């Protein structure tokens, strides 16, 4: 009654946020107390449960799985990690 006839909604695509190598960032950031779970590049729904568990483990100080470091933003401080992706065309799935 207040709006009248609203126009039909339109849903359009958007940008997929992702890192250059298409590996998300999950875990602590350089600022103390700040954590990230982002850059899923289109597979966020599939990875959400595992990402949430990993963030929770970081927050609670629980033991981390052996693969946890692969998702830290600090991986970009490692020259060998950067070299592994140098010259790669794209990590897009």
N, C-alpha and C. Protein backbone atom coordinates (compact mmCIF):
# COMPACT_ATOMS: atom_id res chain seq x y z
N UNK A 1 0.81 -1.19 0.00
CA UNK A 1 0.00 0.00 0.00
C UNK A 1 0.86 1.26 0.00
N UNK A 2 2.02 1.20 0.63
CA UNK A 2 2.86 2.39 0.72
C UNK A 2 3.64 2.66 -0.56
N UNK A 3 4.00 1.60 -1.26
CA UNK A 3 4.85 1.74 -2.43
C UNK A 3 4.05 1.74 -3.72
N UNK A 4 2.94 1.09 -3.72
CA UNK A 4 2.22 0.92 -4.97
C UNK A 4 2.75 -0.31 -5.67
N UNK A 5 2.91 -0.22 -6.96
CA UNK A 5 3.43 -1.35 -7.73
C UNK A 5 4.93 -1.15 -7.94
N UNK A 6 5.69 -1.91 -7.22
CA UNK A 6 7.15 -1.84 -7.37
C UNK A 6 7.55 -2.49 -8.68
N UNK A 7 8.61 -1.99 -9.30
CA UNK A 7 9.06 -2.61 -10.55
C UNK A 7 9.59 -4.02 -10.27
N UNK A 8 9.57 -4.84 -11.29
CA UNK A 8 10.08 -6.20 -11.16
C UNK A 8 11.58 -6.14 -10.84
N UNK A 9 12.01 -6.86 -9.81
CA UNK A 9 13.44 -6.81 -9.46
C UNK A 9 14.29 -7.49 -10.53
N UNK A 10 15.50 -7.00 -10.65
CA UNK A 10 16.45 -7.56 -11.62
C UNK A 10 17.67 -8.06 -10.85
N UNK A 11 18.06 -9.26 -11.14
CA UNK A 11 19.26 -9.82 -10.54
C UNK A 11 20.27 -10.01 -11.65
N UNK A 12 21.44 -9.47 -11.46
CA UNK A 12 22.48 -9.55 -12.47
C UNK A 12 23.73 -10.14 -11.83
N UNK A 13 24.63 -10.57 -12.65
CA UNK A 13 25.89 -11.12 -12.15
C UNK A 13 26.74 -10.03 -11.53
N UNK A 14 27.81 -10.43 -10.92
CA UNK A 14 28.71 -9.47 -10.29
C UNK A 14 30.14 -9.92 -10.49
N UNK A 15 30.99 -9.29 -9.77
CA UNK A 15 32.41 -9.63 -9.85
C UNK A 15 32.72 -10.79 -8.92
N UNK A 16 33.61 -11.64 -9.36
CA UNK A 16 34.16 -12.68 -8.50
C UNK A 16 35.45 -12.14 -7.92
N UNK A 17 35.46 -11.92 -6.63
CA UNK A 17 36.70 -11.47 -6.00
C UNK A 17 37.58 -12.69 -5.78
N UNK A 18 38.82 -12.56 -6.18
CA UNK A 18 39.74 -13.68 -6.04
C UNK A 18 41.16 -13.15 -6.02
N UNK A 19 42.05 -13.99 -5.55
CA UNK A 19 43.47 -13.66 -5.59
C UNK A 19 44.00 -14.04 -6.97
N UNK A 20 45.20 -13.61 -7.28
CA UNK A 20 45.77 -13.89 -8.59
C UNK A 20 45.86 -15.39 -8.88
N UNK A 21 46.20 -16.16 -7.86
CA UNK A 21 46.33 -17.61 -8.05
C UNK A 21 45.04 -18.36 -7.71
N UNK A 22 43.98 -17.63 -7.42
CA UNK A 22 42.65 -18.16 -7.15
C UNK A 22 42.60 -19.03 -5.90
N UNK A 23 43.38 -18.68 -4.91
CA UNK A 23 43.34 -19.36 -3.62
C UNK A 23 42.80 -18.35 -2.60
N UNK A 24 41.74 -18.67 -1.88
CA UNK A 24 41.17 -17.68 -0.95
C UNK A 24 42.11 -17.32 0.19
N UNK A 25 41.76 -16.25 0.86
CA UNK A 25 42.48 -15.80 2.06
C UNK A 25 41.60 -16.15 3.25
N UNK A 26 42.13 -17.00 4.12
CA UNK A 26 41.39 -17.44 5.30
C UNK A 26 42.35 -17.44 6.48
N UNK A 27 42.07 -16.60 7.45
CA UNK A 27 42.91 -16.58 8.64
C UNK A 27 43.24 -15.18 9.10
N UNK A 28 44.22 -15.08 9.99
CA UNK A 28 44.55 -13.79 10.59
C UNK A 28 45.20 -12.84 9.60
N UNK A 29 44.93 -11.56 9.80
CA UNK A 29 45.54 -10.50 9.01
C UNK A 29 46.58 -9.79 9.87
N UNK A 30 47.40 -8.93 9.28
CA UNK A 30 48.45 -8.28 10.07
C UNK A 30 47.94 -7.46 11.27
N UNK A 31 46.75 -6.91 11.17
CA UNK A 31 46.22 -6.14 12.30
C UNK A 31 45.69 -7.11 13.37
N UNK A 32 46.16 -6.98 14.56
CA UNK A 32 45.79 -7.89 15.65
C UNK A 32 44.27 -7.95 15.83
N UNK A 33 43.74 -9.16 15.88
CA UNK A 33 42.31 -9.36 16.09
C UNK A 33 41.47 -9.33 14.82
N UNK A 34 42.10 -9.12 13.68
CA UNK A 34 41.37 -9.05 12.42
C UNK A 34 41.61 -10.33 11.61
N UNK A 35 40.54 -10.94 11.15
CA UNK A 35 40.61 -12.19 10.40
C UNK A 35 39.87 -12.02 9.09
N UNK A 36 40.25 -12.81 8.10
CA UNK A 36 39.61 -12.73 6.79
C UNK A 36 39.12 -14.10 6.36
N UNK A 37 38.08 -14.08 5.61
CA UNK A 37 37.57 -15.25 4.90
C UNK A 37 36.97 -14.69 3.62
N UNK A 38 37.80 -14.60 2.59
CA UNK A 38 37.39 -13.88 1.38
C UNK A 38 38.13 -14.38 0.14
N UNK A 39 37.76 -13.80 -0.98
CA UNK A 39 38.40 -14.04 -2.28
C UNK A 39 38.18 -15.48 -2.76
N UNK A 40 36.94 -15.94 -2.69
CA UNK A 40 36.63 -17.31 -3.07
C UNK A 40 36.42 -17.49 -4.57
N UNK A 41 36.35 -16.41 -5.31
CA UNK A 41 36.33 -16.49 -6.76
C UNK A 41 35.25 -17.37 -7.37
N UNK A 42 34.08 -17.42 -6.78
CA UNK A 42 32.99 -18.16 -7.37
C UNK A 42 32.70 -19.51 -6.73
N UNK A 43 33.53 -19.95 -5.80
CA UNK A 43 33.27 -21.23 -5.15
C UNK A 43 33.05 -21.06 -3.65
N UNK A 44 32.58 -19.89 -3.24
CA UNK A 44 32.38 -19.59 -1.83
C UNK A 44 31.35 -20.48 -1.14
N UNK A 45 30.26 -20.80 -1.82
CA UNK A 45 29.24 -21.66 -1.22
C UNK A 45 29.83 -23.03 -0.93
N UNK A 46 30.64 -23.54 -1.84
CA UNK A 46 31.23 -24.86 -1.65
C UNK A 46 32.29 -24.87 -0.56
N UNK A 47 32.98 -23.75 -0.37
CA UNK A 47 34.08 -23.70 0.59
C UNK A 47 33.68 -23.09 1.92
N UNK A 48 32.46 -22.58 2.04
CA UNK A 48 32.06 -21.81 3.22
C UNK A 48 32.19 -22.59 4.53
N UNK A 49 31.78 -23.82 4.54
CA UNK A 49 31.81 -24.59 5.79
C UNK A 49 33.24 -24.84 6.25
N UNK A 50 34.10 -25.23 5.34
CA UNK A 50 35.50 -25.45 5.70
C UNK A 50 36.19 -24.16 6.09
N UNK A 51 35.88 -23.07 5.39
CA UNK A 51 36.48 -21.78 5.71
C UNK A 51 36.05 -21.31 7.09
N UNK A 52 34.77 -21.47 7.40
CA UNK A 52 34.27 -21.08 8.72
C UNK A 52 34.94 -21.89 9.82
N UNK A 53 35.12 -23.16 9.58
CA UNK A 53 35.79 -24.00 10.57
C UNK A 53 37.23 -23.53 10.78
N UNK A 54 37.92 -23.20 9.69
CA UNK A 54 39.31 -22.76 9.80
C UNK A 54 39.40 -21.43 10.54
N UNK A 55 38.52 -20.49 10.25
CA UNK A 55 38.52 -19.22 10.98
C UNK A 55 38.23 -19.47 12.46
N UNK A 56 37.28 -20.33 12.74
CA UNK A 56 36.96 -20.67 14.13
C UNK A 56 38.15 -21.28 14.85
N UNK A 57 38.88 -22.14 14.18
CA UNK A 57 40.07 -22.74 14.78
C UNK A 57 41.11 -21.67 15.09
N UNK A 58 41.30 -20.74 14.17
CA UNK A 58 42.23 -19.62 14.42
C UNK A 58 41.78 -18.82 15.65
N UNK A 59 40.51 -18.49 15.69
CA UNK A 59 39.98 -17.65 16.77
C UNK A 59 40.09 -18.33 18.14
N UNK A 60 39.86 -19.63 18.16
CA UNK A 60 39.84 -20.37 19.44
C UNK A 60 41.20 -20.90 19.84
N UNK A 61 42.19 -20.76 18.97
CA UNK A 61 43.50 -21.30 19.28
C UNK A 61 43.55 -22.81 19.18
N UNK A 62 42.63 -23.39 18.42
CA UNK A 62 42.59 -24.84 18.23
C UNK A 62 43.72 -25.27 17.30
N UNK A 63 44.10 -26.53 17.36
CA UNK A 63 45.12 -27.01 16.40
C UNK A 63 44.64 -26.80 14.98
N UNK A 64 45.54 -26.33 14.13
CA UNK A 64 45.19 -26.05 12.73
C UNK A 64 45.57 -27.23 11.85
N UNK A 65 44.81 -27.46 10.79
CA UNK A 65 45.18 -28.53 9.86
C UNK A 65 46.49 -28.19 9.16
N UNK A 66 47.17 -29.18 8.63
CA UNK A 66 48.48 -28.92 8.00
C UNK A 66 48.40 -27.98 6.80
N UNK A 67 47.25 -27.84 6.19
CA UNK A 67 47.09 -27.01 5.00
C UNK A 67 46.68 -25.57 5.32
N UNK A 68 46.54 -25.22 6.57
CA UNK A 68 46.04 -23.89 6.95
C UNK A 68 46.93 -22.76 6.45
N UNK A 69 48.24 -22.95 6.48
CA UNK A 69 49.15 -21.88 6.04
C UNK A 69 48.97 -21.52 4.58
N UNK A 70 48.47 -22.43 3.78
CA UNK A 70 48.27 -22.16 2.35
C UNK A 70 47.24 -21.08 2.10
N UNK A 71 46.44 -20.76 3.11
CA UNK A 71 45.38 -19.76 2.95
C UNK A 71 45.64 -18.46 3.70
N UNK A 72 46.73 -18.38 4.43
CA UNK A 72 47.06 -17.16 5.16
C UNK A 72 47.49 -16.06 4.19
N UNK A 73 47.17 -14.83 4.51
CA UNK A 73 47.62 -13.72 3.68
C UNK A 73 49.14 -13.58 3.75
N UNK A 74 49.75 -14.06 4.81
CA UNK A 74 51.20 -13.97 4.96
C UNK A 74 51.94 -14.82 3.93
N UNK A 75 51.24 -15.66 3.19
CA UNK A 75 51.91 -16.46 2.15
C UNK A 75 52.57 -15.56 1.11
N UNK A 76 52.06 -14.34 0.95
CA UNK A 76 52.64 -13.41 -0.01
C UNK A 76 53.97 -12.81 0.46
N UNK A 77 54.35 -13.08 1.68
CA UNK A 77 55.67 -12.67 2.18
C UNK A 77 56.75 -13.68 1.82
N UNK A 78 56.36 -14.83 1.30
CA UNK A 78 57.29 -15.92 0.98
C UNK A 78 57.70 -15.82 -0.49
N UNK A 79 58.97 -15.48 -0.78
CA UNK A 79 59.42 -15.36 -2.17
C UNK A 79 59.23 -16.64 -2.99
N UNK A 80 59.37 -17.80 -2.36
CA UNK A 80 59.20 -19.05 -3.12
C UNK A 80 57.74 -19.25 -3.51
N UNK A 81 56.82 -18.79 -2.68
CA UNK A 81 55.40 -18.87 -3.04
C UNK A 81 55.12 -17.96 -4.23
N UNK A 82 55.62 -16.75 -4.17
CA UNK A 82 55.41 -15.81 -5.28
C UNK A 82 56.03 -16.32 -6.56
N UNK A 83 57.20 -16.93 -6.46
CA UNK A 83 57.88 -17.45 -7.65
C UNK A 83 57.09 -18.59 -8.29
N UNK A 84 56.38 -19.36 -7.49
CA UNK A 84 55.61 -20.48 -8.02
C UNK A 84 54.51 -20.02 -8.96
N UNK A 85 54.03 -18.80 -8.78
CA UNK A 85 52.94 -18.29 -9.60
C UNK A 85 53.39 -17.21 -10.58
N UNK A 86 54.67 -16.88 -10.59
CA UNK A 86 55.17 -15.85 -11.50
C UNK A 86 54.99 -16.31 -12.93
N UNK A 87 54.39 -15.48 -13.74
CA UNK A 87 54.19 -15.80 -15.14
C UNK A 87 53.00 -16.68 -15.41
N UNK A 88 52.29 -17.10 -14.38
CA UNK A 88 51.09 -17.93 -14.60
C UNK A 88 50.03 -17.08 -15.29
N UNK A 89 49.30 -17.67 -16.18
CA UNK A 89 48.30 -16.92 -16.94
C UNK A 89 47.11 -16.54 -16.06
N UNK A 90 46.54 -17.50 -15.35
CA UNK A 90 45.39 -17.21 -14.50
C UNK A 90 45.11 -18.42 -13.64
N UNK A 91 44.60 -18.17 -12.45
CA UNK A 91 44.18 -19.25 -11.59
C UNK A 91 42.69 -19.44 -11.65
N UNK A 92 42.02 -18.80 -12.61
CA UNK A 92 40.56 -18.87 -12.67
C UNK A 92 40.10 -20.30 -12.90
N UNK A 93 39.12 -20.71 -12.11
CA UNK A 93 38.57 -22.06 -12.29
C UNK A 93 37.66 -22.10 -13.49
